[in-house]
Amino acid sequence: MTKAGKTKKATVQVVKYLVIALLVCILLFPIWWMLVGSLRPYYTLISLDDVAFWPKDFTVENYVKIFSQAKYLRYFANSFIVSGGTVLVTLLIAIPAAYSFSRFKFGGKSAVLSAVQSVQMFPIVVILISLYTFYKQWGMLDTYRGVILADVTFALPLSITLLKSFFDTVPNALDESAKIDGAGRMRTMVQVILPLVLPGLVAVAIYTFLTAWDDYLMSLTIIRIDEKRTLAVGLAQSFMGEYSNDYGALMAFSVAGSLPIVLLFIFFQKYMVEGLTAGAVKG
């Protein structure tokens, strides 16, 4: 390669990395601004004269405010209850459903699977009014089970589809071998098949947890009492008012609310990546 060619190649590489660095900065700027805002007093965040990209007048007052009041901690507990319950119920339903779609042949199988997947075609706002009426008649308003049931409904289609793709990668010969050894369908699924699709189970569990943790509309509609509000609803209604907003506490609450998700990804990113790619190829 000539000197001019090497120079051109180096220039292209430099430009490429500069563009990537610029995109990364743009994507990370909102997170950085959230962190900076959480460490600054409220009055500096509403003044154009105090705009700074580094914590000015550093303070942890915003964090003390949200962690020293029981109702804010209650929002965290409610979100964990709803998200954990949603994950548990979703897996209990999605695992046998996906296994059945993967292993059994029955009439209308494709139609049933399409019907399950079609749930995701409808926006949440389309069913909110009818859902509220149904919950009011059955006494499920202001209950954890009401929010969990609603979140499970929208998490199931993708969960079943993903798990089915993982079950499809496991050869049927394993089921047949387990049957010859005297294992029933349930024992085969639990002791033989599930350990082989563990990355898929983790991926589905994390996806479901994230969906339930970030839910706003369902929780806002179903939960009307402050004691059972989830994190997203509590955040919006505690620090965002009609005439003023407590941006410092809002930023601090947002940082604290993001930590469980960040930690979840840090510790389970291996399973997430493996889980989202392993089921893509059948074999």
C-alpha atoms as a PDB file:
ATOM      1  CA  MET A   1       0.000   0.000   0.000  1.00  0.00           C
ATOM      2  CA  THR A   2       1.309   3.440  -0.941  1.00  0.00           C
ATOM      3  CA  LYS A   3       1.900   6.228   1.533  1.00  0.00           C
ATOM      4  CA  ALA A   4      -1.113   8.148   0.207  1.00  0.00           C
ATOM      5  CA  GLY A   5      -3.291   5.070   0.637  1.00  0.00           C
ATOM      6  CA  LYS A   6      -2.146   4.593   4.226  1.00  0.00           C
ATOM      7  CA  THR A   7      -2.816   8.252   4.973  1.00  0.00           C
ATOM      8  CA  LYS A   8      -6.309   8.032   3.486  1.00  0.00           C
ATOM      9  CA  LYS A   9      -7.066   4.883   5.492  1.00  0.00           C
ATOM     10  CA  ALA A  10      -5.847   6.511   8.718  1.00  0.00           C
ATOM     11  CA  THR A  11      -7.945   9.602   8.010  1.00  0.00           C
ATOM     12  CA  VAL A  12     -11.066   7.484   7.470  1.00  0.00           C
ATOM     13  CA  GLN A  13     -10.417   5.640  10.741  1.00  0.00           C
ATOM     14  CA  VAL A  14      -9.978   8.915  12.647  1.00  0.00           C
ATOM     15  CA  VAL A  15     -13.178  10.373  11.191  1.00  0.00           C
ATOM     16  CA  LYS A  16     -15.064   7.161  11.997  1.00  0.00           C
ATOM     17  CA  TYR A  17     -13.953   7.171  15.620  1.00  0.00           C
ATOM     18  CA  LEU A  18     -14.724  10.877  15.965  1.00  0.00           C
ATOM     19  CA  VAL A  19     -18.255  10.302  14.695  1.00  0.00           C
ATOM     20  CA  ILE A  20     -18.690   7.372  17.085  1.00  0.00           C
ATOM     21  CA  ALA A  21     -17.371   9.459  19.986  1.00  0.00           C
ATOM     22  CA  LEU A  22     -19.774  12.286  19.072  1.00  0.00           C
ATOM     23  CA  LEU A  23     -22.747   9.909  18.968  1.00  0.00           C
ATOM     24  CA  VAL A  24     -21.767   8.396  22.313  1.00  0.00           C
ATOM     25  CA  CYS A  25     -21.530  11.878  23.871  1.00  0.00           C
ATOM     26  CA  ILE A  26     -24.960  12.804  22.493  1.00  0.00           C
ATOM     27  CA  LEU A  27     -26.513   9.605  23.847  1.00  0.00           C
ATOM     28  CA  LEU A  28     -24.868   9.900  27.266  1.00  0.00           C
ATOM     29  CA  PHE A  29     -25.479  13.639  27.722  1.00  0.00           C
ATOM     30  CA  PRO A  30     -29.026  13.261  29.176  1.00  0.00           C
ATOM     31  CA  ILE A  31     -27.683  10.782  31.745  1.00  0.00           C
ATOM     32  CA  TRP A  32     -24.815  13.097  32.640  1.00  0.00           C
ATOM     33  CA  TRP A  33     -27.185  16.063  32.924  1.00  0.00           C
ATOM     34  CA  MET A  34     -29.432  14.011  35.216  1.00  0.00           C
ATOM     35  CA  LEU A  35     -26.465  13.189  37.464  1.00  0.00           C
ATOM     36  CA  VAL A  36     -25.296  16.804  37.536  1.00  0.00           C
ATOM     37  CA  GLY A  37     -28.791  18.087  38.248  1.00  0.00           C
ATOM     38  CA  SER A  38     -29.239  15.670  41.140  1.00  0.00           C
ATOM     39  CA  LEU A  39     -26.148  17.119  42.851  1.00  0.00           C
ATOM     40  CA  ARG A  40     -27.107  20.774  42.512  1.00  0.00           C
ATOM     41  CA  PRO A  41     -29.490  22.938  44.570  1.00  0.00           C
ATOM     42  CA  TYR A  42     -32.959  23.490  43.183  1.00  0.00           C
ATOM     43  CA  TYR A  43     -32.543  27.227  42.614  1.00  0.00           C
ATOM     44  CA  THR A  44     -29.509  26.770  40.341  1.00  0.00           C
ATOM     45  CA  LEU A  45     -31.438  24.498  37.987  1.00  0.00           C
ATOM     46  CA  ILE A  46     -34.100  27.061  37.148  1.00  0.00           C
ATOM     47  CA  SER A  47     -31.689  29.932  36.479  1.00  0.00           C
ATOM     48  CA  LEU A  48     -30.151  30.456  33.051  1.00  0.00           C
ATOM     49  CA  ASP A  49     -27.242  32.260  34.716  1.00  0.00           C
ATOM     50  CA  ASP A  50     -26.227  29.101  36.586  1.00  0.00           C
ATOM     51  CA  VAL A  51     -26.074  26.680  33.648  1.00  0.00           C
ATOM     52  CA  ALA A  52     -23.110  24.354  34.239  1.00  0.00           C
ATOM     53  CA  PHE A  53     -22.082  20.951  32.971  1.00  0.00           C
ATOM     54  CA  TRP A  54     -20.353  20.130  36.239  1.00  0.00           C
ATOM     55  CA  PRO A  55     -21.924  19.990  39.714  1.00  0.00           C
ATOM     56  CA  LYS A  56     -21.958  23.607  40.849  1.00  0.00           C
ATOM     57  CA  ASP A  57     -22.589  24.259  44.533  1.00  0.00           C
ATOM     58  CA  PHE A  58     -22.290  20.507  45.123  1.00  0.00           C
ATOM     59  CA  THR A  59     -24.910  19.120  47.504  1.00  0.00           C
ATOM     60  CA  VAL A  60     -26.539  15.801  48.418  1.00  0.00           C
ATOM     61  CA  GLU A  61     -29.631  17.535  49.781  1.00  0.00           C
ATOM     62  CA  ASN A  62     -31.783  16.118  46.990  1.00  0.00           C
ATOM     63  CA  TYR A  63     -30.828  12.548  47.863  1.00  0.00           C
ATOM     64  CA  VAL A  64     -31.391  13.186  51.577  1.00  0.00           C
ATOM     65  CA  LYS A  65     -34.844  14.509  50.725  1.00  0.00           C
ATOM     66  CA  ILE A  66     -35.975  11.389  48.851  1.00  0.00           C
ATOM     67  CA  PHE A  67     -34.373   8.792  51.149  1.00  0.00           C
ATOM     68  CA  SER A  68     -35.441  10.430  54.411  1.00  0.00           C
ATOM     69  CA  GLN A  69     -39.171  10.260  53.641  1.00  0.00           C
ATOM     70  CA  ALA A  70     -40.942   6.938  53.991  1.00  0.00           C
ATOM     71  CA  LYS A  71     -43.386   7.519  51.126  1.00  0.00           C
ATOM     72  CA  TYR A  72     -40.580   7.750  48.568  1.00  0.00           C
ATOM     73  CA  LEU A  73     -39.047   4.508  49.812  1.00  0.00           C
ATOM     74  CA  ARG A  74     -42.528   3.010  49.602  1.00  0.00           C
ATOM     75  CA  TYR A  75     -42.630   3.827  45.885  1.00  0.00           C
ATOM     76  CA  PHE A  76     -39.473   1.742  45.432  1.00  0.00           C
ATOM     77  CA  ALA A  77     -40.953  -1.143  47.402  1.00  0.00           C
ATOM     78  CA  ASN A  78     -44.171  -1.012  45.362  1.00  0.00           C
ATOM     79  CA  SER A  79     -42.241  -1.129  42.104  1.00  0.00           C
ATOM     80  CA  PHE A  80     -40.238  -4.132  43.291  1.00  0.00           C
ATOM     81  CA  ILE A  81     -43.431  -5.925  44.345  1.00  0.00           C
ATOM     82  CA  VAL A  82     -45.170  -5.253  41.031  1.00  0.00           C
ATOM     83  CA  SER A  83     -42.104  -6.013  38.883  1.00  0.00           C
ATOM     84  CA  GLY A  84     -41.203  -9.169  40.803  1.00  0.00           C
ATOM     85  CA  GLY A  85     -44.788 -10.413  40.733  1.00  0.00           C
ATOM     86  CA  THR A  86     -45.024  -9.714  37.011  1.00  0.00           C
ATOM     87  CA  VAL A  87     -41.836 -11.684  36.321  1.00  0.00           C
ATOM     88  CA  LEU A  88     -43.023 -14.630  38.412  1.00  0.00           C
ATOM     89  CA  VAL A  89     -46.501 -14.858  36.865  1.00  0.00           C
ATOM     90  CA  THR A  90     -45.174 -14.289  33.339  1.00  0.00           C
ATOM     91  CA  LEU A  91     -42.631 -17.114  33.630  1.00  0.00           C
ATOM     92  CA  LEU A  92     -45.182 -19.491  35.199  1.00  0.00           C
ATOM     93  CA  ILE A  93     -47.472 -18.972  32.200  1.00  0.00           C
ATOM     94  CA  ALA A  94     -44.933 -18.437  29.402  1.00  0.00           C
ATOM     95  CA  ILE A  95     -42.748 -21.497  30.091  1.00  0.00           C
ATOM     96  CA  PRO A  96     -45.442 -24.199  29.699  1.00  0.00           C
ATOM     97  CA  ALA A  97     -47.122 -22.223  26.896  1.00  0.00           C
ATOM     98  CA  ALA A  98     -43.903 -21.838  24.902  1.00  0.00           C
ATOM     99  CA  TYR A  99     -42.959 -25.471  25.528  1.00  0.00           C
ATOM    100  CA  SER A 100     -46.366 -26.580  24.241  1.00  0.00           C
ATOM    101  CA  PHE A 101     -46.081 -24.473  21.087  1.00  0.00           C
ATOM    102  CA  SER A 102     -42.602 -25.857  20.495  1.00  0.00           C
ATOM    103  CA  ARG A 103     -43.233 -29.549  21.149  1.00  0.00           C
ATOM    104  CA  PHE A 104     -46.881 -30.310  20.360  1.00  0.00           C
ATOM    105  CA  LYS A 105     -48.657 -30.372  17.018  1.00  0.00           C
ATOM    106  CA  PHE A 106     -52.350 -29.498  17.112  1.00  0.00           C
ATOM    107  CA  GLY A 107     -54.924 -27.942  14.865  1.00  0.00           C
ATOM    108  CA  GLY A 108     -54.921 -24.160  14.732  1.00  0.00           C
ATOM    109  CA  LYS A 109     -51.480 -23.914  16.342  1.00  0.00           C
ATOM    110  CA  SER A 110     -50.330 -21.102  14.059  1.00  0.00           C
ATOM    111  CA  ALA A 111     -53.616 -19.237  14.513  1.00  0.00           C
ATOM    112  CA  VAL A 112     -53.398 -19.436  18.305  1.00  0.00           C
ATOM    113  CA  LEU A 113     -49.777 -18.274  18.306  1.00  0.00           C
ATOM    114  CA  SER A 114     -50.670 -15.389  15.981  1.00  0.00           C
ATOM    115  CA  ALA A 115     -53.561 -14.443  18.250  1.00  0.00           C
ATOM    116  CA  VAL A 116     -51.224 -14.348  21.245  1.00  0.00           C
ATOM    117  CA  GLN A 117     -48.723 -12.191  19.382  1.00  0.00           C
ATOM    118  CA  SER A 118     -51.453  -9.856  18.113  1.00  0.00           C
ATOM    119  CA  VAL A 119     -51.920  -8.491  21.644  1.00  0.00           C
ATOM    120  CA  GLN A 120     -48.859  -6.330  21.045  1.00  0.00           C
ATOM    121  CA  MET A 121     -50.550  -4.690  18.067  1.00  0.00           C
ATOM    122  CA  PHE A 122     -52.842  -2.682  20.338  1.00  0.00           C
ATOM    123  CA  PRO A 123     -51.539   0.389  22.212  1.00  0.00           C
ATOM    124  CA  ILE A 124     -52.088   0.406  25.952  1.00  0.00           C
ATOM    125  CA  VAL A 125     -54.287   3.495  25.774  1.00  0.00           C
ATOM    126  CA  VAL A 126     -56.811   1.599  23.623  1.00  0.00           C
ATOM    127  CA  ILE A 127     -57.834  -0.706  26.481  1.00  0.00           C
ATOM    128  CA  LEU A 128     -57.438   1.627  29.459  1.00  0.00           C
ATOM    129  CA  ILE A 129     -61.112   2.657  29.686  1.00  0.00           C
ATOM    130  CA  SER A 130     -62.467  -0.876  29.360  1.00  0.00           C
ATOM    131  CA  LEU A 131     -59.762  -2.162  31.717  1.00  0.00           C
ATOM    132  CA  TYR A 132     -60.684   0.440  34.348  1.00  0.00           C
ATOM    133  CA  THR A 133     -64.374  -0.494  34.091  1.00  0.00           C
ATOM    134  CA  PHE A 134     -63.597  -4.204  34.369  1.00  0.00           C
ATOM    135  CA  TYR A 135     -61.287  -3.700  37.353  1.00  0.00           C
ATOM    136  CA  LYS A 136     -63.857  -1.499  39.110  1.00  0.00           C
ATOM    137  CA  GLN A 137     -66.531  -4.184  38.785  1.00  0.00           C
ATOM    138  CA  TRP A 138     -64.217  -6.901  40.083  1.00  0.00           C
ATOM    139  CA  GLY A 139     -62.730  -4.825  42.910  1.00  0.00           C
ATOM    140  CA  MET A 140     -59.212  -4.905  41.501  1.00  0.00           C
ATOM    141  CA  LEU A 141     -58.515  -1.176  41.559  1.00  0.00           C
ATOM    142  CA  ASP A 142     -55.816  -0.026  43.981  1.00  0.00           C
ATOM    143  CA  THR A 143     -54.374  -3.549  44.221  1.00  0.00           C
ATOM    144  CA  TYR A 144     -51.008  -5.011  43.326  1.00  0.00           C
ATOM    145  CA  ARG A 145     -52.629  -7.959  41.580  1.00  0.00           C
ATOM    146  CA  GLY A 146     -54.473  -5.572  39.266  1.00  0.00           C
ATOM    147  CA  VAL A 147     -51.269  -3.921  38.041  1.00  0.00           C
ATOM    148  CA  ILE A 148     -49.445  -7.252  37.867  1.00  0.00           C
ATOM    149  CA  LEU A 149     -52.215  -8.813  35.771  1.00  0.00           C
ATOM    150  CA  ALA A 150     -52.211  -5.851  33.378  1.00  0.00           C
ATOM    151  CA  ASP A 151     -48.411  -5.916  32.992  1.00  0.00           C
ATOM    152  CA  VAL A 152     -48.422  -9.699  32.502  1.00  0.00           C
ATOM    153  CA  THR A 153     -50.943  -9.337  29.680  1.00  0.00           C
ATOM    154  CA  PHE A 154     -48.598  -7.164  27.661  1.00  0.00           C
ATOM    155  CA  ALA A 155     -45.419  -9.046  28.607  1.00  0.00           C
ATOM    156  CA  LEU A 156     -46.685 -12.522  27.688  1.00  0.00           C
ATOM    157  CA  PRO A 157     -46.714 -12.309  23.841  1.00  0.00           C
ATOM    158  CA  LEU A 158     -43.016 -11.519  23.469  1.00  0.00           C
ATOM    159  CA  SER A 159     -42.096 -13.805  26.381  1.00  0.00           C
ATOM    160  CA  ILE A 160     -43.865 -16.778  24.814  1.00  0.00           C
ATOM    161  CA  THR A 161     -42.383 -16.040  21.386  1.00  0.00           C
ATOM    162  CA  LEU A 162     -38.837 -15.742  22.741  1.00  0.00           C
ATOM    163  CA  LEU A 163     -39.047 -18.858  24.890  1.00  0.00           C
ATOM    164  CA  LYS A 164     -40.528 -20.852  22.022  1.00  0.00           C
ATOM    165  CA  SER A 165     -37.527 -19.950  19.874  1.00  0.00           C
ATOM    166  CA  PHE A 166     -35.230 -21.276  22.613  1.00  0.00           C
ATOM    167  CA  PHE A 167     -37.181 -24.499  23.041  1.00  0.00           C
ATOM    168  CA  ASP A 168     -36.981 -24.960  19.259  1.00  0.00           C
ATOM    169  CA  THR A 169     -33.177 -25.041  19.476  1.00  0.00           C
ATOM    170  CA  VAL A 170     -33.268 -28.057  21.805  1.00  0.00           C
ATOM    171  CA  PRO A 171     -33.483 -31.358  19.843  1.00  0.00           C
ATOM    172  CA  ASN A 172     -36.609 -33.453  20.320  1.00  0.00           C
ATOM    173  CA  ALA A 173     -34.303 -36.424  20.859  1.00  0.00           C
ATOM    174  CA  LEU A 174     -33.718 -35.237  24.414  1.00  0.00           C
ATOM    175  CA  ASP A 175     -37.454 -35.418  25.146  1.00  0.00           C
ATOM    176  CA  GLU A 176     -37.606 -38.892  23.671  1.00  0.00           C
ATOM    177  CA  SER A 177     -34.601 -40.051  25.688  1.00  0.00           C
ATOM    178  CA  ALA A 178     -36.131 -38.707  28.886  1.00  0.00           C
ATOM    179  CA  LYS A 179     -39.414 -40.466  28.040  1.00  0.00           C
ATOM    180  CA  ILE A 180     -37.584 -43.774  27.566  1.00  0.00           C
ATOM    181  CA  ASP A 181     -35.990 -43.286  30.989  1.00  0.00           C
ATOM    182  CA  GLY A 182     -39.445 -42.936  32.522  1.00  0.00           C
ATOM    183  CA  ALA A 183     -39.723 -39.151  32.841  1.00  0.00           C
ATOM    184  CA  GLY A 184     -43.080 -37.513  32.223  1.00  0.00           C
ATOM    185  CA  ARG A 185     -43.633 -34.311  30.241  1.00  0.00           C
ATOM    186  CA  MET A 186     -43.442 -32.034  33.277  1.00  0.00           C
ATOM    187  CA  ARG A 187     -40.288 -33.652  34.641  1.00  0.00           C
ATOM    188  CA  THR A 188     -38.698 -33.564  31.188  1.00  0.00           C
ATOM    189  CA  MET A 189     -39.438 -29.879  30.816  1.00  0.00           C
ATOM    190  CA  VAL A 190     -38.248 -28.909  34.296  1.00  0.00           C
ATOM    191  CA  GLN A 191     -35.183 -31.124  34.737  1.00  0.00           C
ATOM    192  CA  VAL A 192     -33.964 -31.653  31.176  1.00  0.00           C
ATOM    193  CA  ILE A 193     -35.050 -28.798  28.916  1.00  0.00           C
ATOM    194  CA  LEU A 194     -35.158 -25.737  31.167  1.00  0.00           C
ATOM    195  CA  PRO A 195     -31.480 -25.929  32.232  1.00  0.00           C
ATOM    196  CA  LEU A 196     -30.527 -25.853  28.543  1.00  0.00           C
ATOM    197  CA  VAL A 197     -32.505 -22.666  27.879  1.00  0.00           C
ATOM    198  CA  LEU A 198     -31.420 -20.810  31.034  1.00  0.00           C
ATOM    199  CA  PRO A 199     -30.073 -17.792  29.061  1.00  0.00           C
ATOM    200  CA  GLY A 200     -33.478 -17.452  27.445  1.00  0.00           C
ATOM    201  CA  LEU A 201     -35.245 -17.570  30.805  1.00  0.00           C
ATOM    202  CA  VAL A 202     -32.942 -14.859  32.167  1.00  0.00           C
ATOM    203  CA  ALA A 203     -33.466 -12.696  29.072  1.00  0.00           C
ATOM    204  CA  VAL A 204     -37.257 -13.010  29.347  1.00  0.00           C
ATOM    205  CA  ALA A 205     -37.179 -12.327  33.099  1.00  0.00           C
ATOM    206  CA  ILE A 206     -35.085  -9.178  32.623  1.00  0.00           C
ATOM    207  CA  TYR A 207     -37.236  -7.959  29.731  1.00  0.00           C
ATOM    208  CA  THR A 208     -40.386  -8.481  31.811  1.00  0.00           C
ATOM    209  CA  PHE A 209     -38.858  -6.771  34.850  1.00  0.00           C
ATOM    210  CA  LEU A 210     -37.847  -3.738  32.778  1.00  0.00           C
ATOM    211  CA  THR A 211     -41.311  -3.514  31.211  1.00  0.00           C
ATOM    212  CA  ALA A 212     -43.055  -3.618  34.590  1.00  0.00           C
ATOM    213  CA  TRP A 213     -40.542  -1.286  36.257  1.00  0.00           C
ATOM    214  CA  ASP A 214     -40.995   1.386  33.561  1.00  0.00           C
ATOM    215  CA  ASP A 215     -44.786   1.076  33.366  1.00  0.00           C
ATOM    216  CA  TYR A 216     -46.594   4.357  33.884  1.00  0.00           C
ATOM    217  CA  LEU A 217     -50.032   4.329  32.238  1.00  0.00           C
ATOM    218  CA  MET A 218     -51.240   1.081  33.769  1.00  0.00           C
ATOM    219  CA  SER A 219     -50.123   2.044  37.262  1.00  0.00           C
ATOM    220  CA  LEU A 220     -51.529   5.549  36.935  1.00  0.00           C
ATOM    221  CA  THR A 221     -54.914   4.211  35.848  1.00  0.00           C
ATOM    222  CA  ILE A 222     -55.266   1.294  38.263  1.00  0.00           C
ATOM    223  CA  ILE A 223     -53.623   2.698  41.416  1.00  0.00           C
ATOM    224  CA  ARG A 224     -55.345   5.756  42.882  1.00  0.00           C
ATOM    225  CA  ILE A 225     -54.032   5.725  46.457  1.00  0.00           C
ATOM    226  CA  ASP A 226     -50.605   7.106  47.256  1.00  0.00           C
ATOM    227  CA  GLU A 227     -49.556   4.170  49.448  1.00  0.00           C
ATOM    228  CA  LYS A 228     -49.514   1.765  46.482  1.00  0.00           C
ATOM    229  CA  ARG A 229     -48.170   3.968  43.716  1.00  0.00           C
ATOM    230  CA  THR A 230     -45.177   2.693  41.806  1.00  0.00           C
ATOM    231  CA  LEU A 231     -41.952   4.557  41.219  1.00  0.00           C
ATOM    232  CA  ALA A 232     -42.811   6.114  37.841  1.00  0.00           C
ATOM    233  CA  VAL A 233     -46.179   7.448  39.011  1.00  0.00           C
ATOM    234  CA  GLY A 234     -44.871   8.581  42.373  1.00  0.00           C
ATOM    235  CA  LEU A 235     -41.996  10.424  40.739  1.00  0.00           C
ATOM    236  CA  ALA A 236     -44.248  12.334  38.342  1.00  0.00           C
ATOM    237  CA  GLN A 237     -46.838  13.270  40.962  1.00  0.00           C
ATOM    238  CA  SER A 238     -44.405  14.181  43.746  1.00  0.00           C
ATOM    239  CA  PHE A 239     -42.022  16.570  42.029  1.00  0.00           C
ATOM    240  CA  MET A 240     -43.926  17.865  39.014  1.00  0.00           C
ATOM    241  CA  GLY A 241     -46.589  20.399  39.942  1.00  0.00           C
ATOM    242  CA  GLU A 242     -48.912  22.697  38.053  1.00  0.00           C
ATOM    243  CA  TYR A 243     -46.944  25.852  38.798  1.00  0.00           C
ATOM    244  CA  SER A 244     -43.477  24.626  39.796  1.00  0.00           C
ATOM    245  CA  ASN A 245     -41.244  21.570  39.587  1.00  0.00           C
ATOM    246  CA  ASP A 246     -38.616  20.377  42.048  1.00  0.00           C
ATOM    247  CA  TYR A 247     -36.043  19.508  39.393  1.00  0.00           C
ATOM    248  CA  GLY A 248     -33.264  18.674  41.839  1.00  0.00           C
ATOM    249  CA  ALA A 249     -35.275  16.043  43.701  1.00  0.00           C
ATOM    250  CA  LEU A 250     -36.731  14.854  40.391  1.00  0.00           C
ATOM    251  CA  MET A 251     -33.226  14.232  39.032  1.00  0.00           C
ATOM    252  CA  ALA A 252     -32.103  12.505  42.233  1.00  0.00           C
ATOM    253  CA  PHE A 253     -35.199  10.297  42.218  1.00  0.00           C
ATOM    254  CA  SER A 254     -34.564   9.450  38.567  1.00  0.00           C
ATOM    255  CA  VAL A 255     -30.968   8.454  39.318  1.00  0.00           C
ATOM    256  CA  ALA A 256     -32.059   6.265  42.230  1.00  0.00           C
ATOM    257  CA  GLY A 257     -34.804   4.703  40.127  1.00  0.00           C
ATOM    258  CA  SER A 258     -32.361   3.892  37.342  1.00  0.00           C
ATOM    259  CA  LEU A 259     -29.835   2.153  39.588  1.00  0.00           C
ATOM    260  CA  PRO A 260     -31.693  -1.208  39.862  1.00  0.00           C
ATOM    261  CA  ILE A 261     -31.909  -1.387  36.074  1.00  0.00           C
ATOM    262  CA  VAL A 262     -28.237  -0.486  35.613  1.00  0.00           C
ATOM    263  CA  LEU A 263     -27.124  -3.040  38.207  1.00  0.00           C
ATOM    264  CA  LEU A 264     -29.390  -5.644  36.630  1.00  0.00           C
ATOM    265  CA  PHE A 265     -27.729  -5.113  33.271  1.00  0.00           C
ATOM    266  CA  ILE A 266     -24.179  -5.062  34.705  1.00  0.00           C
ATOM    267  CA  PHE A 267     -24.580  -8.396  36.491  1.00  0.00           C
ATOM    268  CA  PHE A 268     -26.674 -10.169  33.870  1.00  0.00           C
ATOM    269  CA  GLN A 269     -25.512  -8.643  30.588  1.00  0.00           C
ATOM    270  CA  LYS A 270     -23.807 -11.920  29.637  1.00  0.00           C
ATOM    271  CA  TYR A 271     -27.084 -13.791  29.925  1.00  0.00           C
ATOM    272  CA  MET A 272     -28.997 -10.985  28.199  1.00  0.00           C
ATOM    273  CA  VAL A 273     -26.751 -10.963  25.137  1.00  0.00           C
ATOM    274  CA  GLU A 274     -26.574 -14.743  25.023  1.00  0.00           C
ATOM    275  CA  GLY A 275     -30.280 -15.019  25.580  1.00  0.00           C
ATOM    276  CA  LEU A 276     -31.251 -12.570  22.846  1.00  0.00           C
ATOM    277  CA  THR A 277     -28.990 -14.210  20.254  1.00  0.00           C
ATOM    278  CA  ALA A 278     -28.991 -17.923  21.094  1.00  0.00           C
ATOM    279  CA  GLY A 279     -32.576 -18.421  20.014  1.00  0.00           C
ATOM    280  CA  ALA A 280     -32.059 -16.687  16.692  1.00  0.00           C
ATOM    281  CA  VAL A 281     -30.595 -19.766  14.984  1.00  0.00           C
ATOM    282  CA  LYS A 282     -32.239 -23.139  15.091  1.00  0.00           C
ATOM    283  CA  GLY A 283     -29.967 -26.149  15.232  1.00  0.00           C
END
